[in-house]
Amino acid sequence: RLALGFLRETEPEMQDINAFQMRYNAFFQPAEGVHWSH
């Protein structure tokens, strides 16, 4: 949340936020899946 709050303060663009969220989710979703499986 700190990162998103920082981006919001620095005049963020919706496209940039969406891309950031997609990368963030894509990076952590597999990790969570492996964690739960383990």
PDB file of N, CA and C in Angstrom:
ATOM      1  N   ARG A   1       0.842  -1.201   0.000  1.00  0.00           N
ATOM      2  CA  ARG A   1       0.000   0.000   0.000  1.00  0.00           C
ATOM      3  C   ARG A   1       0.870   1.241   0.000  1.00  0.00           C
ATOM      4  N   LEU A   2       2.011   1.185   0.640  1.00  0.00           N
ATOM      5  CA  LEU A   2       2.903   2.350   0.679  1.00  0.00           C
ATOM      6  C   LEU A   2       3.313   2.740  -0.733  1.00  0.00           C
ATOM      7  N   ALA A   3       3.647   1.743  -1.550  1.00  0.00           N
ATOM      8  CA  ALA A   3       4.069   2.038  -2.928  1.00  0.00           C
ATOM      9  C   ALA A   3       2.933   2.703  -3.694  1.00  0.00           C
ATOM     10  N   LEU A   4       1.724   2.141  -3.579  1.00  0.00           N
ATOM     11  CA  LEU A   4       0.584   2.715  -4.305  1.00  0.00           C
ATOM     12  C   LEU A   4       0.321   4.128  -3.809  1.00  0.00           C
ATOM     13  N   GLY A   5       0.395   4.361  -2.494  1.00  0.00           N
ATOM     14  CA  GLY A   5       0.170   5.698  -1.942  1.00  0.00           C
ATOM     15  C   GLY A   5       1.213   6.660  -2.491  1.00  0.00           C
ATOM     16  N   PHE A   6       2.462   6.217  -2.574  1.00  0.00           N
ATOM     17  CA  PHE A   6       3.529   7.071  -3.098  1.00  0.00           C
ATOM     18  C   PHE A   6       3.259   7.421  -4.553  1.00  0.00           C
ATOM     19  N   LEU A   7       2.840   6.433  -5.337  1.00  0.00           N
ATOM     20  CA  LEU A   7       2.550   6.689  -6.750  1.00  0.00           C
ATOM     21  C   LEU A   7       1.409   7.689  -6.876  1.00  0.00           C
ATOM     22  N   ARG A   8       0.395   7.563  -6.023  1.00  0.00           N
ATOM     23  CA  ARG A   8      -0.747   8.481  -6.091  1.00  0.00           C
ATOM     24  C   ARG A   8      -0.292   9.906  -5.808  1.00  0.00           C
ATOM     25  N   GLU A   9       0.653  10.065  -4.902  1.00  0.00           N
ATOM     26  CA  GLU A   9       1.127  11.408  -4.551  1.00  0.00           C
ATOM     27  C   GLU A   9       1.953  12.004  -5.683  1.00  0.00           C
ATOM     28  N   THR A  10       2.551  11.165  -6.499  1.00  0.00           N
ATOM     29  CA  THR A  10       3.427  11.666  -7.568  1.00  0.00           C
ATOM     30  C   THR A  10       2.692  11.754  -8.899  1.00  0.00           C
ATOM     31  N   GLU A  11       1.473  12.311  -8.861  1.00  0.00           N
ATOM     32  CA  GLU A  11       0.686  12.493 -10.090  1.00  0.00           C
ATOM     33  C   GLU A  11       0.731  11.255 -10.978  1.00  0.00           C
ATOM     34  N   PRO A  12       0.158  10.150 -10.520  1.00  0.00           N
ATOM     35  CA  PRO A  12       0.185   8.902 -11.286  1.00  0.00           C
ATOM     36  C   PRO A  12      -0.827   8.901 -12.413  1.00  0.00           C
ATOM     37  N   GLU A  13      -0.588   8.065 -13.421  1.00  0.00           N
ATOM     38  CA  GLU A  13      -1.556   7.910 -14.509  1.00  0.00           C
ATOM     39  C   GLU A  13      -2.245   6.565 -14.344  1.00  0.00           C
ATOM     40  N   MET A  14      -3.522   6.514 -14.685  1.00  0.00           N
ATOM     41  CA  MET A  14      -4.277   5.274 -14.516  1.00  0.00           C
ATOM     42  C   MET A  14      -3.578   4.113 -15.221  1.00  0.00           C
ATOM     43  N   GLN A  15      -3.065   4.347 -16.405  1.00  0.00           N
ATOM     44  CA  GLN A  15      -2.387   3.278 -17.152  1.00  0.00           C
ATOM     45  C   GLN A  15      -1.177   2.781 -16.366  1.00  0.00           C
ATOM     46  N   ASP A  16      -0.415   3.705 -15.796  1.00  0.00           N
ATOM     47  CA  ASP A  16       0.771   3.308 -15.041  1.00  0.00           C
ATOM     48  C   ASP A  16       0.367   2.485 -13.822  1.00  0.00           C
ATOM     49  N   ILE A  17      -0.680   2.925 -13.128  1.00  0.00           N
ATOM     50  CA  ILE A  17      -1.130   2.200 -11.940  1.00  0.00           C
ATOM     51  C   ILE A  17      -1.604   0.806 -12.329  1.00  0.00           C
ATOM     52  N   ASN A  18      -2.397   0.720 -13.391  1.00  0.00           N
ATOM     53  CA  ASN A  18      -2.902  -0.581 -13.839  1.00  0.00           C
ATOM     54  C   ASN A  18      -1.738  -1.498 -14.205  1.00  0.00           C
ATOM     55  N   ALA A  19      -0.772  -0.989 -14.934  1.00  0.00           N
ATOM     56  CA  ALA A  19       0.383  -1.796 -15.338  1.00  0.00           C
ATOM     57  C   ALA A  19       1.138  -2.256 -14.095  1.00  0.00           C
ATOM     58  N   PHE A  20       1.299  -1.352 -13.129  1.00  0.00           N
ATOM     59  CA  PHE A  20       2.017  -1.693 -11.897  1.00  0.00           C
ATOM     60  C   PHE A  20       1.277  -2.793 -11.146  1.00  0.00           C
ATOM     61  N   GLN A  21      -0.050  -2.651 -11.017  1.00  0.00           N
ATOM     62  CA  GLN A  21      -0.842  -3.658 -10.310  1.00  0.00           C
ATOM     63  C   GLN A  21      -0.763  -4.995 -11.031  1.00  0.00           C
ATOM     64  N   MET A  22      -0.852  -4.972 -12.368  1.00  0.00           N
ATOM     65  CA  MET A  22      -0.797  -6.219 -13.137  1.00  0.00           C
ATOM     66  C   MET A  22       0.549  -6.906 -12.921  1.00  0.00           C
ATOM     67  N   ARG A  23       1.638  -6.140 -12.975  1.00  0.00           N
ATOM     68  CA  ARG A  23       2.969  -6.730 -12.754  1.00  0.00           C
ATOM     69  C   ARG A  23       3.066  -7.259 -11.330  1.00  0.00           C
ATOM     70  N   TYR A  24       2.577  -6.460 -10.368  1.00  0.00           N
ATOM     71  CA  TYR A  24       2.641  -6.853  -8.952  1.00  0.00           C
ATOM     72  C   TYR A  24       1.883  -8.161  -8.740  1.00  0.00           C
ATOM     73  N   ASN A  25       0.644  -8.221  -9.263  1.00  0.00           N
ATOM     74  CA  ASN A  25      -0.177  -9.427  -9.108  1.00  0.00           C
ATOM     75  C   ASN A  25       0.470 -10.608  -9.830  1.00  0.00           C
ATOM     76  N   ALA A  26       0.930 -10.391 -11.058  1.00  0.00           N
ATOM     77  CA  ALA A  26       1.526 -11.470 -11.844  1.00  0.00           C
ATOM     78  C   ALA A  26       2.766 -12.012 -11.134  1.00  0.00           C
ATOM     79  N   PHE A  27       3.483 -11.134 -10.417  1.00  0.00           N
ATOM     80  CA  PHE A  27       4.718 -11.555  -9.752  1.00  0.00           C
ATOM     81  C   PHE A  27       4.423 -12.313  -8.460  1.00  0.00           C
ATOM     82  N   PHE A  28       3.366 -11.908  -7.750  1.00  0.00           N
ATOM     83  CA  PHE A  28       3.091 -12.504  -6.442  1.00  0.00           C
ATOM     84  C   PHE A  28       2.069 -13.639  -6.492  1.00  0.00           C
ATOM     85  N   GLN A  29       1.179 -13.642  -7.477  1.00  0.00           N
ATOM     86  CA  GLN A  29       0.185 -14.719  -7.554  1.00  0.00           C
ATOM     87  C   GLN A  29       0.844 -16.098  -7.606  1.00  0.00           C
ATOM     88  N   PRO A  30       1.808 -16.331  -8.502  1.00  0.00           N
ATOM     89  CA  PRO A  30       2.473 -17.639  -8.564  1.00  0.00           C
ATOM     90  C   PRO A  30       3.125 -17.981  -7.232  1.00  0.00           C
ATOM     91  N   ALA A  31       3.750 -16.999  -6.583  1.00  0.00           N
ATOM     92  CA  ALA A  31       4.410 -17.237  -5.299  1.00  0.00           C
ATOM     93  C   ALA A  31       3.378 -17.699  -4.275  1.00  0.00           C
ATOM     94  N   GLU A  32       2.224 -17.037  -4.244  1.00  0.00           N
ATOM     95  CA  GLU A  32       1.176 -17.417  -3.298  1.00  0.00           C
ATOM     96  C   GLU A  32       0.677 -18.821  -3.609  1.00  0.00           C
ATOM     97  N   GLY A  33       0.506 -19.127  -4.903  1.00  0.00           N
ATOM     98  CA  GLY A  33       0.042 -20.454  -5.290  1.00  0.00           C
ATOM     99  C   GLY A  33       1.010 -21.517  -4.788  1.00  0.00           C
ATOM    100  N   VAL A  34       2.301 -21.302  -4.999  1.00  0.00           N
ATOM    101  CA  VAL A  34       3.305 -22.263  -4.543  1.00  0.00           C
ATOM    102  C   VAL A  34       3.285 -22.353  -3.023  1.00  0.00           C
ATOM    103  N   HIS A  35       3.146 -21.209  -2.358  1.00  0.00           N
ATOM    104  CA  HIS A  35       3.131 -21.183  -0.893  1.00  0.00           C
ATOM    105  C   HIS A  35       1.966 -22.014  -0.361  1.00  0.00           C
ATOM    106  N   TRP A  36       0.767 -21.790  -0.941  1.00  0.00           N
ATOM    107  CA  TRP A  36      -0.408 -22.534  -0.481  1.00  0.00           C
ATOM    108  C   TRP A  36      -0.231 -24.023  -0.782  1.00  0.00           C
ATOM    109  N   SER A  37       0.305 -24.341  -1.960  1.00  0.00           N
ATOM    110  CA  SER A  37       0.485 -25.747  -2.332  1.00  0.00           C
ATOM    111  C   SER A  37       1.450 -26.412  -1.359  1.00  0.00           C
ATOM    112  N   HIS A  38       2.488 -25.710  -0.981  1.00  0.00           N
ATOM    113  CA  HIS A  38       3.489 -26.257  -0.082  1.00  0.00           C
ATOM    114  C   HIS A  38       2.888 -26.356   1.318  1.00  0.00           C
TER     115      HIS A  38
END
